[in-house]
Amino acid sequence: MAEHSLLEKVLGLRDKFESLQAQLSDPDVISDMKKFVQLNKEYKELAPIIEAGNEYRKMVTDYEMAKDIIANEKDEDLREMAKEEIAEIEPKLPEMEQNIRLLLIPADPQDSKNAIVEIRGGSGGDEAAIFAGDLFRMYSKYFERRGWKCEVTGQSEGAAGGFKEIILKVSGDGVYGVLKYESGVHRVQRVPQTETQGRVHTSAASVAVLPEADEFDIELNMNDIRKDTFCSSGPGGQSVNTTYSAIRLTHIPSGIVVQCQDEKSQLKNFDKALAELRTRLYNMEYEKYLNEISAKRKTMVSTGDRSAKIRTYNYPQSRVTDHRINYTMYNLPVFMDGDIQDVLDQLQIAENAERLKAAE
């Protein structure tokens, strides 16, 4: 049955929503980019709650009016119409209430950000690097389906193919909130290309997904950064390999080192490296938050502990198993072709259930 307390909670946010709306039209706020970005983010987060609350309030009002007609109206046609309306509304109310409860729980503020994705070959030597390459292809196909932009910012190729390491920047709507579930160890069971006896081997690759820091998330003191230039290596043509276009940045206080040699332009490589450095510094603090929530959310072992085994890809059985939610499917080629949305949806549902339980 409808809960009026939910309406009260949503109505309590309406004043804040309208205040944000007014502030975003204020020339003084518009001229302060840092403040404008922050207020606009809060406004966008509140918008779906207010919209859901308005829809819910209308439905509750219609429901109560229909009940009043049945109780007080003598016209049978009107009473019949009211009964039909109640029959239509009644089953929708619990679902709407559940949705509003979920919307009222503060979301992870990082979910709306772009993401830095790091894929590294783990145990298994050449086969692990090949599998890291397979994961990169799987994610690339998935990004295409979502219409997200993917840029490779660093890579180290494996001797027999694939990658020892590959780092990507993925841009789009709510990228981190979707991809964060992929952090952890991905295990593969198959006959490696290098195996002559036909034996199944187990190898692994690790995936780390970080929310990309916005320009306003962290202030960098350029005096704390040492910049080195060097010649790029690998494919890219003569100009890439013979000019000092590659950039290495060292953040002296933390010791964090990042480098980028993806572009022919030193300036472009510097901008990419600076963005990655900002993200890594930001994530040093974000890691503390992840460690706090990992103890509370059993399905989210990947966020707090990136060494946790989260998924197994078994080629002989054509099976994919996600160990956090006991999810299994038997169509591995389709999954490896980027059709991973179903498991991501199931992980989202599991996390939402845990968030609701924690809020009770």
Protein backbone atom coordinates (compact mmCIF):
# COMPACT_ATOMS: atom_id res chain seq x y z
CA MET A 1 0.00 0.00 0.00
CA ALA A 2 1.15 3.59 -0.59
CA GLU A 3 3.44 5.14 2.02
CA HIS A 4 2.85 8.85 2.64
CA SER A 5 6.21 9.07 4.47
CA LEU A 6 7.93 8.53 1.13
CA LEU A 7 6.09 11.53 -0.30
CA GLU A 8 7.14 13.61 2.68
CA LYS A 9 10.79 12.69 2.10
CA VAL A 10 10.59 13.59 -1.60
CA LEU A 11 8.71 16.84 -0.88
CA GLY A 12 11.43 17.68 1.63
CA LEU A 13 13.92 17.63 -1.25
CA ARG A 14 11.80 19.81 -3.53
CA ASP A 15 12.88 23.08 -1.87
CA LYS A 16 16.52 22.14 -2.37
CA PHE A 17 15.82 21.16 -5.98
CA GLU A 18 14.12 24.49 -6.74
CA SER A 19 16.91 26.38 -4.96
CA LEU A 20 19.51 24.63 -7.12
CA GLN A 21 17.46 25.45 -10.21
CA ALA A 22 17.53 29.15 -9.28
CA GLN A 23 21.24 29.16 -8.42
CA LEU A 24 22.15 27.60 -11.77
CA SER A 25 20.59 30.62 -13.48
CA ASP A 26 22.53 33.08 -11.31
CA PRO A 27 25.27 34.88 -13.32
CA ASP A 28 27.60 34.85 -10.28
CA VAL A 29 27.32 31.06 -10.04
CA ILE A 30 27.74 30.60 -13.79
CA SER A 31 30.98 32.62 -13.68
CA ASP A 32 32.36 30.37 -10.89
CA MET A 33 32.96 27.20 -12.90
CA LYS A 34 33.91 25.02 -9.93
CA LYS A 35 30.73 25.94 -8.04
CA PHE A 36 28.57 25.65 -11.17
CA VAL A 37 29.84 22.12 -11.91
CA GLN A 38 29.15 21.02 -8.32
CA LEU A 39 25.63 22.52 -8.19
CA ASN A 40 24.77 21.13 -11.62
CA LYS A 41 25.84 17.67 -10.45
CA GLU A 42 23.58 17.92 -7.37
CA TYR A 43 20.70 19.14 -9.55
CA LYS A 44 21.04 16.19 -11.94
CA GLU A 45 21.13 13.74 -9.03
CA LEU A 46 17.92 15.17 -7.52
CA ALA A 47 15.98 15.41 -10.80
CA PRO A 48 15.00 11.70 -11.07
CA ILE A 49 13.90 11.66 -7.39
CA ILE A 50 11.62 14.68 -7.88
CA GLU A 51 10.23 13.24 -11.12
CA ALA A 52 9.50 9.87 -9.49
CA GLY A 53 7.93 11.63 -6.50
CA ASN A 54 5.61 13.68 -8.71
CA GLU A 55 4.51 10.57 -10.60
CA TYR A 56 3.98 8.67 -7.35
CA ARG A 57 1.96 11.51 -5.80
CA LYS A 58 -0.34 11.66 -8.85
CA MET A 59 -0.86 7.90 -8.71
CA VAL A 60 -1.66 7.97 -4.97
CA THR A 61 -4.12 10.84 -5.54
CA ASP A 62 -5.85 8.96 -8.37
CA TYR A 63 -6.00 5.83 -6.21
CA GLU A 64 -7.60 7.62 -3.28
CA MET A 65 -10.10 9.41 -5.56
CA ALA A 66 -11.11 6.07 -7.06
CA LYS A 67 -11.63 4.61 -3.58
CA ASP A 68 -13.75 7.64 -2.66
CA ILE A 69 -15.95 7.11 -5.75
CA ILE A 70 -16.54 3.46 -4.81
CA ALA A 71 -17.43 4.46 -1.24
CA ASN A 72 -19.72 7.39 -2.05
CA GLU A 73 -20.84 7.28 -5.69
CA LYS A 74 -24.08 5.53 -6.65
CA ASP A 75 -23.59 5.65 -10.43
CA GLU A 76 -22.60 2.09 -11.37
CA ASP A 77 -20.68 3.16 -14.48
CA LEU A 78 -18.50 5.51 -12.43
CA ARG A 79 -18.01 2.85 -9.76
CA GLU A 80 -16.97 0.32 -12.40
CA MET A 81 -14.46 2.78 -13.91
CA ALA A 82 -13.07 3.44 -10.42
CA LYS A 83 -12.68 -0.30 -9.80
CA GLU A 84 -10.76 -0.66 -13.06
CA GLU A 85 -8.49 2.24 -12.11
CA ILE A 86 -7.76 0.70 -8.70
CA ALA A 87 -7.01 -2.65 -10.33
CA GLU A 88 -4.54 -0.91 -12.65
CA ILE A 89 -2.85 1.26 -9.99
CA GLU A 90 -2.65 -1.13 -7.03
CA PRO A 91 0.02 -3.51 -8.41
CA LYS A 92 2.19 -0.57 -9.55
CA LEU A 93 2.42 1.16 -6.17
CA PRO A 94 4.81 -1.27 -4.39
CA GLU A 95 7.23 -1.16 -7.34
CA MET A 96 7.15 2.65 -7.40
CA GLU A 97 7.70 2.78 -3.63
CA GLN A 98 10.70 0.46 -3.93
CA ASN A 99 12.12 2.62 -6.72
CA ILE A 100 11.75 5.81 -4.64
CA ARG A 101 13.37 4.17 -1.60
CA LEU A 102 16.34 3.26 -3.80
CA LEU A 103 16.53 6.76 -5.29
CA LEU A 104 16.51 8.27 -1.80
CA ILE A 105 19.63 6.31 -0.81
CA PRO A 106 22.66 8.46 -1.71
CA ALA A 107 24.33 7.01 -4.79
CA ASP A 108 28.07 6.53 -5.06
CA PRO A 109 29.12 10.05 -6.15
CA GLN A 110 31.66 8.48 -8.51
CA ASP A 111 29.08 6.54 -10.57
CA SER A 112 28.52 9.34 -13.08
CA LYS A 113 32.22 9.68 -13.91
CA ASN A 114 34.25 8.39 -16.82
CA ALA A 115 36.58 5.49 -16.01
CA ILE A 116 40.20 4.44 -16.28
CA VAL A 117 40.36 0.68 -16.98
CA GLU A 118 43.58 -1.27 -16.44
CA ILE A 119 43.87 -4.85 -17.74
CA ARG A 120 46.94 -6.85 -16.76
CA GLY A 121 48.01 -10.40 -17.50
CA GLY A 122 48.46 -12.30 -14.24
CA SER A 123 49.54 -15.85 -13.51
CA GLY A 124 49.95 -17.99 -16.60
CA GLY A 125 52.73 -16.28 -18.59
CA ASP A 126 52.04 -15.87 -22.31
CA GLU A 127 48.54 -17.34 -21.98
CA ALA A 128 47.63 -14.73 -19.33
CA ALA A 129 48.72 -11.94 -21.70
CA ILE A 130 46.66 -13.49 -24.51
CA PHE A 131 43.65 -13.63 -22.19
CA ALA A 132 44.18 -9.97 -21.21
CA GLY A 133 43.96 -9.23 -24.94
CA ASP A 134 40.72 -11.24 -25.15
CA LEU A 135 39.26 -9.20 -22.28
CA PHE A 136 40.30 -5.98 -24.01
CA ARG A 137 38.48 -7.11 -27.16
CA MET A 138 35.39 -8.11 -25.11
CA TYR A 139 35.23 -4.71 -23.41
CA SER A 140 35.89 -2.86 -26.68
CA LYS A 141 32.90 -4.61 -28.27
CA TYR A 142 30.79 -3.73 -25.22
CA PHE A 143 31.85 -0.07 -25.36
CA GLU A 144 30.78 0.02 -29.03
CA ARG A 145 27.33 -1.31 -28.10
CA ARG A 146 26.97 1.41 -25.45
CA GLY A 147 28.24 4.17 -27.71
CA TRP A 148 31.11 4.94 -25.32
CA LYS A 149 34.45 6.36 -26.43
CA CYS A 150 37.57 4.33 -25.61
CA GLU A 151 41.15 5.66 -25.76
CA VAL A 152 44.23 3.52 -25.15
CA THR A 153 46.63 5.58 -22.98
CA GLY A 154 49.29 2.94 -22.41
CA GLN A 155 50.09 -0.63 -23.37
CA SER A 156 52.75 -3.31 -23.15
CA GLU A 157 52.29 -6.18 -25.60
CA GLY A 158 52.80 -9.83 -24.71
CA ALA A 159 55.50 -11.90 -26.42
CA ALA A 160 52.91 -14.33 -27.90
CA GLY A 161 50.14 -11.76 -28.40
CA GLY A 162 47.71 -9.94 -26.17
CA PHE A 163 48.95 -7.55 -23.51
CA LYS A 164 51.05 -7.70 -20.40
CA GLU A 165 49.22 -4.48 -19.56
CA ILE A 166 46.81 -2.12 -21.31
CA ILE A 167 45.29 1.07 -19.88
CA LEU A 168 42.16 2.68 -21.29
CA LYS A 169 40.15 5.81 -20.71
CA VAL A 170 36.44 5.16 -21.27
CA SER A 171 34.12 8.15 -21.70
CA GLY A 172 30.33 8.23 -21.75
CA ASP A 173 27.24 8.55 -19.61
CA GLY A 174 27.65 6.90 -16.18
CA VAL A 175 30.59 4.75 -17.30
CA TYR A 176 32.15 4.12 -13.89
CA GLY A 177 28.80 3.18 -12.30
CA VAL A 178 28.52 0.34 -14.84
CA LEU A 179 32.13 -0.81 -15.20
CA LYS A 180 33.05 -0.76 -11.48
CA TYR A 181 31.73 -4.33 -11.17
CA GLU A 182 34.53 -5.56 -13.46
CA SER A 183 37.34 -4.86 -10.96
CA GLY A 184 38.96 -8.06 -9.78
CA VAL A 185 40.65 -11.22 -11.02
CA HIS A 186 39.22 -12.86 -14.16
CA ARG A 187 40.19 -16.53 -14.46
CA VAL A 188 40.29 -18.47 -17.74
CA GLN A 189 40.28 -22.27 -18.18
CA ARG A 190 41.19 -23.48 -21.67
CA VAL A 191 43.80 -25.23 -23.80
CA PRO A 192 46.44 -22.54 -24.49
CA GLN A 193 47.72 -21.92 -28.01
CA THR A 194 51.17 -22.93 -26.77
CA GLU A 195 49.97 -26.28 -25.30
CA THR A 196 50.97 -29.29 -27.43
CA GLN A 197 49.36 -32.03 -25.30
CA GLY A 198 45.82 -30.59 -25.39
CA ARG A 199 45.67 -30.03 -21.62
CA VAL A 200 43.41 -27.42 -20.07
CA HIS A 201 45.34 -24.74 -18.20
CA THR A 202 44.12 -22.10 -15.74
CA SER A 203 45.41 -18.55 -16.18
CA ALA A 204 44.27 -15.16 -14.94
CA ALA A 205 44.16 -11.47 -15.74
CA SER A 206 43.31 -8.64 -13.39
CA VAL A 207 41.03 -5.73 -14.17
CA ALA A 208 41.03 -2.47 -12.19
CA VAL A 209 38.38 0.18 -12.87
CA LEU A 210 38.98 3.66 -11.44
CA PRO A 211 36.70 6.70 -11.58
CA GLU A 212 38.42 9.41 -13.61
CA ALA A 213 39.09 12.51 -11.54
CA ASP A 214 37.52 15.68 -12.88
CA GLU A 215 39.62 18.79 -13.15
CA PHE A 216 37.87 20.19 -10.07
CA ASP A 217 38.19 17.03 -7.95
CA ILE A 218 41.83 17.56 -7.06
CA GLU A 219 44.20 20.51 -7.29
CA LEU A 220 47.67 19.69 -8.54
CA ASN A 221 50.69 21.81 -7.67
CA MET A 222 52.86 21.72 -10.79
CA ASN A 223 55.92 22.36 -8.59
CA ASP A 224 55.34 18.86 -7.16
CA ILE A 225 55.57 17.22 -10.60
CA ARG A 226 58.75 16.26 -12.44
CA LYS A 227 58.33 16.04 -16.22
CA ASP A 228 60.58 13.83 -18.36
CA THR A 229 60.43 13.35 -22.12
CA PHE A 230 61.65 10.35 -24.09
CA CYS A 231 61.26 8.67 -27.48
CA SER A 232 58.15 6.58 -27.92
CA SER A 233 58.52 2.89 -28.70
CA GLY A 234 56.33 0.51 -30.63
CA PRO A 235 54.08 1.16 -33.65
CA GLY A 236 53.35 4.67 -34.79
CA GLY A 237 55.75 5.50 -37.58
CA GLN A 238 59.09 7.22 -37.76
CA SER A 239 57.97 10.50 -36.19
CA VAL A 240 56.74 8.72 -33.07
CA ASN A 241 59.85 6.62 -32.62
CA THR A 242 62.46 9.35 -33.23
CA THR A 243 61.05 12.44 -31.49
CA TYR A 244 60.81 13.12 -27.77
CA SER A 245 57.02 13.08 -27.76
CA ALA A 246 56.49 10.59 -24.91
CA ILE A 247 55.89 12.04 -21.46
CA ARG A 248 56.67 10.69 -17.99
CA LEU A 249 55.30 12.55 -14.97
CA THR A 250 56.48 11.86 -11.41
CA HIS A 251 54.45 13.19 -8.49
CA ILE A 252 57.25 13.77 -5.99
CA PRO A 253 55.21 13.77 -2.71
CA SER A 254 53.46 10.45 -3.46
CA GLY A 255 56.02 8.80 -5.74
CA ILE A 256 53.31 8.04 -8.35
CA VAL A 257 54.69 7.79 -11.91
CA VAL A 258 52.58 7.89 -15.08
CA GLN A 259 53.59 8.04 -18.69
CA CYS A 260 51.90 8.45 -22.06
CA GLN A 261 53.30 7.87 -25.55
CA ASP A 262 50.04 7.32 -27.37
CA GLU A 263 50.06 10.58 -29.37
CA LYS A 264 52.60 12.08 -31.77
CA SER A 265 52.18 15.42 -30.00
CA GLN A 266 54.12 15.96 -26.77
CA LEU A 267 51.43 18.39 -25.61
CA LYS A 268 48.64 15.84 -26.09
CA ASN A 269 50.66 13.17 -24.28
CA PHE A 270 51.26 15.64 -21.43
CA ASP A 271 47.52 16.38 -21.11
CA LYS A 272 46.68 12.65 -21.04
CA ALA A 273 49.42 11.88 -18.52
CA LEU A 274 48.31 14.77 -16.30
CA ALA A 275 44.71 13.51 -16.36
CA GLU A 276 45.87 10.01 -15.40
CA LEU A 277 48.05 11.38 -12.59
CA ARG A 278 45.11 13.37 -11.24
CA THR A 279 42.98 10.22 -11.32
CA ARG A 280 45.58 8.12 -9.47
CA LEU A 281 45.97 10.72 -6.73
CA TYR A 282 42.22 11.03 -6.42
CA ASN A 283 41.86 7.27 -6.17
CA MET A 284 44.28 7.04 -3.25
CA GLU A 285 41.54 8.70 -1.19
CA TYR A 286 38.70 6.89 -2.96
CA GLU A 287 40.31 3.55 -2.07
CA LYS A 288 39.56 4.23 1.61
CA TYR A 289 35.87 4.56 0.78
CA LEU A 290 35.94 1.32 -1.23
CA ASN A 291 37.51 -0.56 1.65
CA GLU A 292 34.76 0.68 3.98
CA ILE A 293 31.88 -0.47 1.79
CA SER A 294 33.46 -3.79 0.77
CA ALA A 295 32.84 -5.20 4.26
CA LYS A 296 29.16 -4.27 4.00
CA ARG A 297 28.42 -5.41 0.46
CA LYS A 298 29.28 -9.05 -0.12
CA THR A 299 28.51 -8.86 -3.86
CA MET A 300 30.96 -6.00 -4.23
CA VAL A 301 34.14 -7.80 -3.23
CA SER A 302 35.63 -6.42 -6.41
CA THR A 303 35.46 -2.81 -5.29
CA GLY A 304 37.31 -3.18 -2.03
CA ASP A 305 39.60 -6.07 -2.96
CA ARG A 306 40.91 -6.13 -6.49
CA SER A 307 42.76 -9.40 -5.82
CA ALA A 308 39.44 -11.24 -5.37
CA LYS A 309 38.53 -13.80 -8.04
CA ILE A 310 35.25 -12.55 -9.49
CA ARG A 311 34.64 -14.53 -12.68
CA THR A 312 35.66 -17.74 -14.45
CA TYR A 313 35.65 -18.22 -18.24
CA ASN A 314 35.62 -21.97 -18.97
CA TYR A 315 36.16 -22.60 -22.70
CA PRO A 316 35.67 -26.42 -22.79
CA GLN A 317 32.21 -26.01 -21.20
CA SER A 318 31.48 -22.67 -22.96
CA ARG A 319 30.65 -21.40 -19.46
CA VAL A 320 30.92 -18.03 -17.72
CA THR A 321 30.43 -17.94 -13.94
CA ASP A 322 30.36 -14.81 -11.81
CA HIS A 323 31.23 -15.98 -8.30
CA ARG A 324 29.78 -12.97 -6.46
CA ILE A 325 26.17 -13.65 -7.42
CA ASN A 326 26.34 -17.30 -8.55
CA TYR A 327 25.55 -16.23 -12.11
CA THR A 328 26.27 -18.80 -14.84
CA MET A 329 25.65 -18.76 -18.59
CA TYR A 330 26.62 -21.31 -21.23
CA ASN A 331 27.30 -19.18 -24.28
CA LEU A 332 30.90 -18.05 -23.85
CA PRO A 333 31.52 -16.94 -27.49
CA VAL A 334 28.61 -14.48 -27.30
CA PHE A 335 29.82 -13.19 -23.92
CA MET A 336 33.36 -12.69 -25.22
CA ASP A 337 31.88 -10.80 -28.17
CA GLY A 338 30.79 -8.05 -25.76
CA ASP A 339 27.34 -9.28 -24.73
CA ILE A 340 27.98 -8.73 -21.00
CA GLN A 341 25.06 -6.45 -20.12
CA ASP A 342 22.99 -9.18 -18.45
CA VAL A 343 25.61 -9.99 -15.82
CA LEU A 344 26.19 -6.28 -15.18
CA ASP A 345 22.43 -5.83 -14.69
CA GLN A 346 22.34 -8.73 -12.23
CA LEU A 347 25.24 -7.25 -10.27
CA GLN A 348 23.44 -3.89 -10.16
CA ILE A 349 20.27 -5.58 -8.86
CA ALA A 350 22.28 -7.40 -6.18
CA GLU A 351 23.97 -4.20 -5.07
CA ASN A 352 20.66 -2.32 -4.98
CA ALA A 353 19.17 -5.03 -2.75
CA GLU A 354 22.12 -4.66 -0.38
CA ARG A 355 21.83 -0.88 -0.36
CA LEU A 356 18.13 -1.11 0.51
CA LYS A 357 18.83 -3.63 3.26
CA ALA A 358 21.57 -1.43 4.73
CA ALA A 359 19.24 1.59 4.70
CA GLU A 360 16.47 -0.16 6.62
